[in-house]
Amino acid sequence: MVALRQTVQAMTRNELDILASFLRVRLRVPALESPRSAAGAATAARRLRALEQAVHGIEAYLQLAAHQPTQPSLHTEEQGARALWQTLLDLAALWPDHPHLPPSPPSPATRPAG
């Protein structure tokens, strides 16, 4: 699994929306066709619930930070939100097309001369 700890600094509502949308598509509940797919659907539903709970936790922190930046508990809330954020990044890293890939170096053909 690719660790994306350097991206933790970009915890914004826009980044959260991008990440959550990506994960919702990947974790969507499959159609029920057999008892085995029913178990898979239940697992997918649990994962989606966990995703939504993490998103709500991060959103709560972002709202608190925006509206009450001097709140004494803000630091504790930030730590919890960053842990949730990192968990979502780690989950997204399971797919090679996740939206938080580190920028790749330019290929020799596109690298500027000099």
N, C-alpha and C. Protein backbone atom coordinates (compact mmCIF):
# COMPACT_ATOMS: atom_id res chain seq x y z
N MET A 1 0.84 -1.17 0.00
CA MET A 1 0.00 0.00 0.00
C MET A 1 0.89 1.24 0.00
N VAL A 2 0.50 2.25 -0.74
CA VAL A 2 1.25 3.48 -0.84
C VAL A 2 0.84 4.39 0.31
N ALA A 3 1.81 4.84 1.07
CA ALA A 3 1.51 5.77 2.16
C ALA A 3 1.50 7.18 1.60
N LEU A 4 0.49 7.96 1.95
CA LEU A 4 0.36 9.30 1.42
C LEU A 4 0.37 10.34 2.53
N ARG A 5 1.21 10.18 3.50
CA ARG A 5 1.21 11.06 4.66
C ARG A 5 1.53 12.51 4.28
N GLN A 6 2.25 12.74 3.18
CA GLN A 6 2.57 14.10 2.79
C GLN A 6 1.33 14.87 2.35
N THR A 7 0.25 14.20 1.98
CA THR A 7 -0.95 14.86 1.49
C THR A 7 -1.84 15.31 2.64
N VAL A 8 -1.54 14.90 3.85
CA VAL A 8 -2.38 15.20 5.00
C VAL A 8 -2.56 16.72 5.17
N GLN A 9 -1.63 17.53 4.72
CA GLN A 9 -1.72 18.97 4.87
C GLN A 9 -2.87 19.56 4.05
N ALA A 10 -3.33 18.89 3.00
CA ALA A 10 -4.35 19.43 2.10
C ALA A 10 -5.76 19.02 2.53
N MET A 11 -6.04 19.01 3.82
CA MET A 11 -7.34 18.59 4.31
C MET A 11 -8.31 19.78 4.19
N THR A 12 -8.94 19.91 3.02
CA THR A 12 -9.91 20.97 2.77
C THR A 12 -11.24 20.32 2.38
N ARG A 13 -12.28 21.12 2.40
CA ARG A 13 -13.59 20.59 2.01
C ARG A 13 -13.57 20.10 0.56
N ASN A 14 -12.91 20.83 -0.32
CA ASN A 14 -12.83 20.42 -1.72
C ASN A 14 -12.09 19.09 -1.85
N GLU A 15 -10.96 18.96 -1.18
CA GLU A 15 -10.20 17.71 -1.22
C GLU A 15 -11.01 16.56 -0.61
N LEU A 16 -11.75 16.84 0.45
CA LEU A 16 -12.60 15.83 1.07
C LEU A 16 -13.68 15.37 0.09
N ASP A 17 -14.29 16.32 -0.62
CA ASP A 17 -15.33 15.97 -1.60
C ASP A 17 -14.76 15.07 -2.70
N ILE A 18 -13.57 15.40 -3.18
CA ILE A 18 -12.93 14.60 -4.24
C ILE A 18 -12.64 13.19 -3.72
N LEU A 19 -12.05 13.11 -2.56
CA LEU A 19 -11.68 11.82 -1.98
C LEU A 19 -12.91 10.98 -1.67
N ALA A 20 -13.92 11.59 -1.05
CA ALA A 20 -15.13 10.85 -0.70
C ALA A 20 -15.87 10.36 -1.95
N SER A 21 -15.94 11.18 -2.97
CA SER A 21 -16.60 10.77 -4.23
C SER A 21 -15.89 9.58 -4.84
N PHE A 22 -14.57 9.63 -4.86
CA PHE A 22 -13.77 8.53 -5.40
C PHE A 22 -14.07 7.24 -4.63
N LEU A 23 -14.04 7.33 -3.30
CA LEU A 23 -14.25 6.14 -2.48
C LEU A 23 -15.69 5.62 -2.58
N ARG A 24 -16.66 6.52 -2.66
CA ARG A 24 -18.05 6.07 -2.81
C ARG A 24 -18.23 5.22 -4.06
N VAL A 25 -17.61 5.64 -5.14
CA VAL A 25 -17.71 4.87 -6.39
C VAL A 25 -17.06 3.51 -6.22
N ARG A 26 -15.88 3.47 -5.60
CA ARG A 26 -15.15 2.22 -5.45
C ARG A 26 -15.82 1.26 -4.46
N LEU A 27 -16.51 1.79 -3.47
CA LEU A 27 -17.09 0.96 -2.42
C LEU A 27 -18.58 0.71 -2.61
N ARG A 28 -19.13 1.11 -3.73
CA ARG A 28 -20.57 0.99 -3.97
C ARG A 28 -21.02 -0.46 -3.82
N VAL A 29 -22.23 -0.63 -3.33
CA VAL A 29 -22.80 -1.96 -3.06
C VAL A 29 -23.10 -2.65 -4.38
N PRO A 30 -22.60 -3.89 -4.58
CA PRO A 30 -22.88 -4.62 -5.82
C PRO A 30 -24.32 -5.14 -5.84
N ALA A 31 -24.81 -5.44 -7.02
CA ALA A 31 -26.16 -6.00 -7.17
C ALA A 31 -26.22 -7.38 -6.52
N LEU A 32 -27.35 -7.69 -5.91
CA LEU A 32 -27.52 -8.99 -5.27
C LEU A 32 -27.85 -10.05 -6.32
N GLU A 33 -27.02 -11.08 -6.40
CA GLU A 33 -27.25 -12.16 -7.36
C GLU A 33 -27.19 -13.53 -6.71
N SER A 34 -26.51 -13.66 -5.60
CA SER A 34 -26.34 -14.95 -4.93
C SER A 34 -26.09 -14.70 -3.45
N PRO A 35 -26.14 -15.75 -2.63
CA PRO A 35 -25.83 -15.56 -1.21
C PRO A 35 -24.43 -14.98 -1.00
N ARG A 36 -23.51 -15.38 -1.86
CA ARG A 36 -22.14 -14.86 -1.72
C ARG A 36 -22.11 -13.37 -2.03
N SER A 37 -22.84 -12.96 -3.07
CA SER A 37 -22.84 -11.53 -3.39
C SER A 37 -23.62 -10.75 -2.33
N ALA A 38 -24.57 -11.42 -1.64
CA ALA A 38 -25.27 -10.76 -0.54
C ALA A 38 -24.30 -10.44 0.59
N ALA A 39 -23.39 -11.35 0.88
CA ALA A 39 -22.37 -11.10 1.90
C ALA A 39 -21.45 -9.97 1.46
N GLY A 40 -21.11 -9.96 0.18
CA GLY A 40 -20.27 -8.88 -0.36
C GLY A 40 -20.99 -7.55 -0.28
N ALA A 41 -22.30 -7.56 -0.53
CA ALA A 41 -23.09 -6.33 -0.44
C ALA A 41 -23.13 -5.82 0.99
N ALA A 42 -23.26 -6.73 1.95
CA ALA A 42 -23.29 -6.33 3.36
C ALA A 42 -21.95 -5.72 3.76
N THR A 43 -20.86 -6.31 3.30
CA THR A 43 -19.53 -5.78 3.59
C THR A 43 -19.37 -4.40 2.96
N ALA A 44 -19.79 -4.27 1.70
CA ALA A 44 -19.70 -2.98 1.01
C ALA A 44 -20.54 -1.93 1.73
N ALA A 45 -21.72 -2.31 2.20
CA ALA A 45 -22.58 -1.37 2.92
C ALA A 45 -21.91 -0.90 4.21
N ARG A 46 -21.26 -1.82 4.92
CA ARG A 46 -20.54 -1.44 6.15
C ARG A 46 -19.39 -0.48 5.82
N ARG A 47 -18.70 -0.76 4.73
CA ARG A 47 -17.59 0.12 4.34
C ARG A 47 -18.09 1.51 3.96
N LEU A 48 -19.20 1.55 3.25
CA LEU A 48 -19.78 2.85 2.89
C LEU A 48 -20.23 3.62 4.13
N ARG A 49 -20.83 2.92 5.10
CA ARG A 49 -21.22 3.57 6.35
C ARG A 49 -20.00 4.13 7.08
N ALA A 50 -18.94 3.35 7.12
CA ALA A 50 -17.71 3.81 7.77
C ALA A 50 -17.14 5.03 7.04
N LEU A 51 -17.20 5.00 5.71
CA LEU A 51 -16.74 6.15 4.92
C LEU A 51 -17.55 7.39 5.27
N GLU A 52 -18.88 7.25 5.30
CA GLU A 52 -19.74 8.40 5.61
C GLU A 52 -19.49 8.92 7.01
N GLN A 53 -19.25 8.04 7.97
CA GLN A 53 -18.96 8.48 9.33
C GLN A 53 -17.64 9.25 9.38
N ALA A 54 -16.64 8.77 8.65
CA ALA A 54 -15.36 9.48 8.60
C ALA A 54 -15.53 10.85 7.95
N VAL A 55 -16.29 10.90 6.86
CA VAL A 55 -16.53 12.17 6.17
C VAL A 55 -17.24 13.15 7.12
N HIS A 56 -18.24 12.68 7.84
CA HIS A 56 -18.96 13.55 8.77
C HIS A 56 -18.04 14.05 9.88
N GLY A 57 -17.15 13.19 10.36
CA GLY A 57 -16.20 13.60 11.39
C GLY A 57 -15.26 14.69 10.89
N ILE A 58 -14.76 14.53 9.69
CA ILE A 58 -13.86 15.53 9.11
C ILE A 58 -14.62 16.83 8.85
N GLU A 59 -15.84 16.72 8.33
CA GLU A 59 -16.65 17.92 8.08
C GLU A 59 -16.93 18.67 9.38
N ALA A 60 -17.20 17.95 10.45
CA ALA A 60 -17.44 18.59 11.75
C ALA A 60 -16.22 19.38 12.19
N TYR A 61 -15.03 18.81 12.02
CA TYR A 61 -13.81 19.54 12.36
C TYR A 61 -13.65 20.78 11.48
N LEU A 62 -13.85 20.64 10.17
CA LEU A 62 -13.69 21.78 9.26
C LEU A 62 -14.65 22.91 9.63
N GLN A 63 -15.88 22.56 9.99
CA GLN A 63 -16.84 23.59 10.41
C GLN A 63 -16.42 24.26 11.71
N LEU A 64 -15.97 23.46 12.66
CA LEU A 64 -15.51 24.01 13.93
C LEU A 64 -14.33 24.95 13.70
N ALA A 65 -13.38 24.53 12.89
CA ALA A 65 -12.19 25.35 12.62
C ALA A 65 -12.56 26.65 11.91
N ALA A 66 -13.56 26.60 11.04
CA ALA A 66 -13.97 27.79 10.29
C ALA A 66 -14.75 28.77 11.16
N HIS A 67 -15.59 28.23 12.06
CA HIS A 67 -16.48 29.10 12.82
C HIS A 67 -16.01 29.41 14.24
N GLN A 68 -15.17 28.57 14.80
CA GLN A 68 -14.67 28.79 16.16
C GLN A 68 -13.18 28.44 16.24
N PRO A 69 -12.36 29.21 15.53
CA PRO A 69 -10.93 28.87 15.46
C PRO A 69 -10.19 28.96 16.79
N THR A 70 -10.79 29.57 17.79
CA THR A 70 -10.13 29.66 19.10
C THR A 70 -10.70 28.66 20.09
N GLN A 71 -11.56 27.77 19.65
CA GLN A 71 -12.15 26.75 20.51
C GLN A 71 -11.03 25.95 21.18
N PRO A 72 -11.06 25.82 22.53
CA PRO A 72 -9.99 25.10 23.23
C PRO A 72 -9.80 23.65 22.76
N SER A 73 -10.87 23.00 22.33
CA SER A 73 -10.75 21.60 21.92
C SER A 73 -10.37 21.43 20.46
N LEU A 74 -10.10 22.53 19.77
CA LEU A 74 -9.82 22.45 18.33
C LEU A 74 -8.62 21.56 18.02
N HIS A 75 -7.58 21.65 18.81
CA HIS A 75 -6.38 20.83 18.55
C HIS A 75 -6.71 19.33 18.64
N THR A 76 -7.48 18.96 19.64
CA THR A 76 -7.87 17.55 19.80
C THR A 76 -8.74 17.11 18.63
N GLU A 77 -9.68 17.98 18.23
CA GLU A 77 -10.56 17.67 17.09
C GLU A 77 -9.74 17.54 15.81
N GLU A 78 -8.74 18.39 15.66
CA GLU A 78 -7.89 18.33 14.47
C GLU A 78 -7.14 17.00 14.40
N GLN A 79 -6.63 16.55 15.52
CA GLN A 79 -5.91 15.27 15.53
C GLN A 79 -6.83 14.13 15.09
N GLY A 80 -8.05 14.11 15.60
CA GLY A 80 -9.01 13.08 15.20
C GLY A 80 -9.36 13.17 13.73
N ALA A 81 -9.57 14.39 13.23
CA ALA A 81 -9.90 14.59 11.82
C ALA A 81 -8.73 14.16 10.93
N ARG A 82 -7.53 14.49 11.32
CA ARG A 82 -6.36 14.10 10.51
C ARG A 82 -6.19 12.57 10.50
N ALA A 83 -6.50 11.93 11.59
CA ALA A 83 -6.43 10.45 11.62
C ALA A 83 -7.46 9.86 10.66
N LEU A 84 -8.68 10.40 10.67
CA LEU A 84 -9.70 9.94 9.73
C LEU A 84 -9.28 10.21 8.29
N TRP A 85 -8.74 11.40 8.06
CA TRP A 85 -8.27 11.79 6.72
C TRP A 85 -7.22 10.81 6.22
N GLN A 86 -6.27 10.50 7.08
CA GLN A 86 -5.20 9.59 6.68
C GLN A 86 -5.75 8.20 6.38
N THR A 87 -6.73 7.76 7.16
CA THR A 87 -7.36 6.47 6.91
C THR A 87 -8.02 6.45 5.54
N LEU A 88 -8.70 7.54 5.18
CA LEU A 88 -9.33 7.61 3.86
C LEU A 88 -8.28 7.63 2.75
N LEU A 89 -7.19 8.35 2.97
CA LEU A 89 -6.11 8.37 1.97
C LEU A 89 -5.51 6.97 1.79
N ASP A 90 -5.29 6.29 2.91
CA ASP A 90 -4.73 4.94 2.84
C ASP A 90 -5.68 3.99 2.11
N LEU A 91 -6.97 4.13 2.37
CA LEU A 91 -7.95 3.31 1.68
C LEU A 91 -7.95 3.61 0.19
N ALA A 92 -7.93 4.88 -0.17
CA ALA A 92 -7.92 5.26 -1.59
C ALA A 92 -6.66 4.75 -2.29
N ALA A 93 -5.57 4.64 -1.55
CA ALA A 93 -4.30 4.18 -2.14
C ALA A 93 -4.36 2.73 -2.58
N LEU A 94 -5.41 2.00 -2.19
CA LEU A 94 -5.56 0.62 -2.65
C LEU A 94 -5.86 0.56 -4.14
N TRP A 95 -6.33 1.65 -4.72
CA TRP A 95 -6.61 1.71 -6.16
C TRP A 95 -5.55 2.54 -6.84
N PRO A 96 -5.01 2.07 -7.97
CA PRO A 96 -3.92 2.80 -8.62
C PRO A 96 -4.34 4.14 -9.22
N ASP A 97 -5.62 4.38 -9.39
CA ASP A 97 -6.08 5.64 -9.98
C ASP A 97 -6.64 6.61 -8.95
N HIS A 98 -6.23 6.45 -7.70
CA HIS A 98 -6.78 7.32 -6.66
C HIS A 98 -6.42 8.78 -6.91
N PRO A 99 -7.26 9.70 -6.41
CA PRO A 99 -7.09 11.12 -6.75
C PRO A 99 -5.95 11.83 -6.03
N HIS A 100 -5.27 11.19 -5.13
CA HIS A 100 -4.20 11.86 -4.39
C HIS A 100 -2.83 11.27 -4.68
N LEU A 101 -2.63 10.91 -5.94
CA LEU A 101 -1.32 10.42 -6.34
C LEU A 101 -0.30 11.54 -6.24
N PRO A 102 0.89 11.24 -5.74
CA PRO A 102 1.92 12.27 -5.75
C PRO A 102 2.27 12.60 -7.20
N PRO A 103 2.63 13.84 -7.49
CA PRO A 103 2.95 14.18 -8.87
C PRO A 103 4.12 13.35 -9.37
N SER A 104 4.00 12.85 -10.58
CA SER A 104 5.09 12.06 -11.14
C SER A 104 6.07 12.98 -11.84
N PRO A 105 7.34 12.61 -11.85
CA PRO A 105 8.33 13.45 -12.52
C PRO A 105 8.05 13.45 -14.02
N PRO A 106 8.39 14.55 -14.69
CA PRO A 106 8.15 14.59 -16.15
C PRO A 106 8.97 13.53 -16.86
N SER A 107 8.40 12.98 -17.91
CA SER A 107 9.14 12.00 -18.70
C SER A 107 10.23 12.71 -19.49
N PRO A 108 11.24 11.98 -19.93
CA PRO A 108 12.33 12.64 -20.67
C PRO A 108 11.81 13.40 -21.90
N ALA A 109 10.75 12.93 -22.52
CA ALA A 109 10.21 13.58 -23.71
C ALA A 109 9.55 14.92 -23.37
N THR A 110 9.03 15.07 -22.15
CA THR A 110 8.33 16.30 -21.79
C THR A 110 9.14 17.19 -20.85
N ARG A 111 10.31 16.72 -20.44
CA ARG A 111 11.15 17.49 -19.54
C ARG A 111 11.71 18.71 -20.26
N PRO A 112 11.63 19.89 -19.63
CA PRO A 112 12.17 21.08 -20.28
C PRO A 112 13.69 20.97 -20.49
N ALA A 113 14.15 21.50 -21.59
CA ALA A 113 15.58 21.48 -21.91
C ALA A 113 16.30 22.45 -20.99
N GLY A 114 17.52 22.12 -20.64
CA GLY A 114 18.27 23.10 -19.88
C GLY A 114 19.16 22.49 -18.95
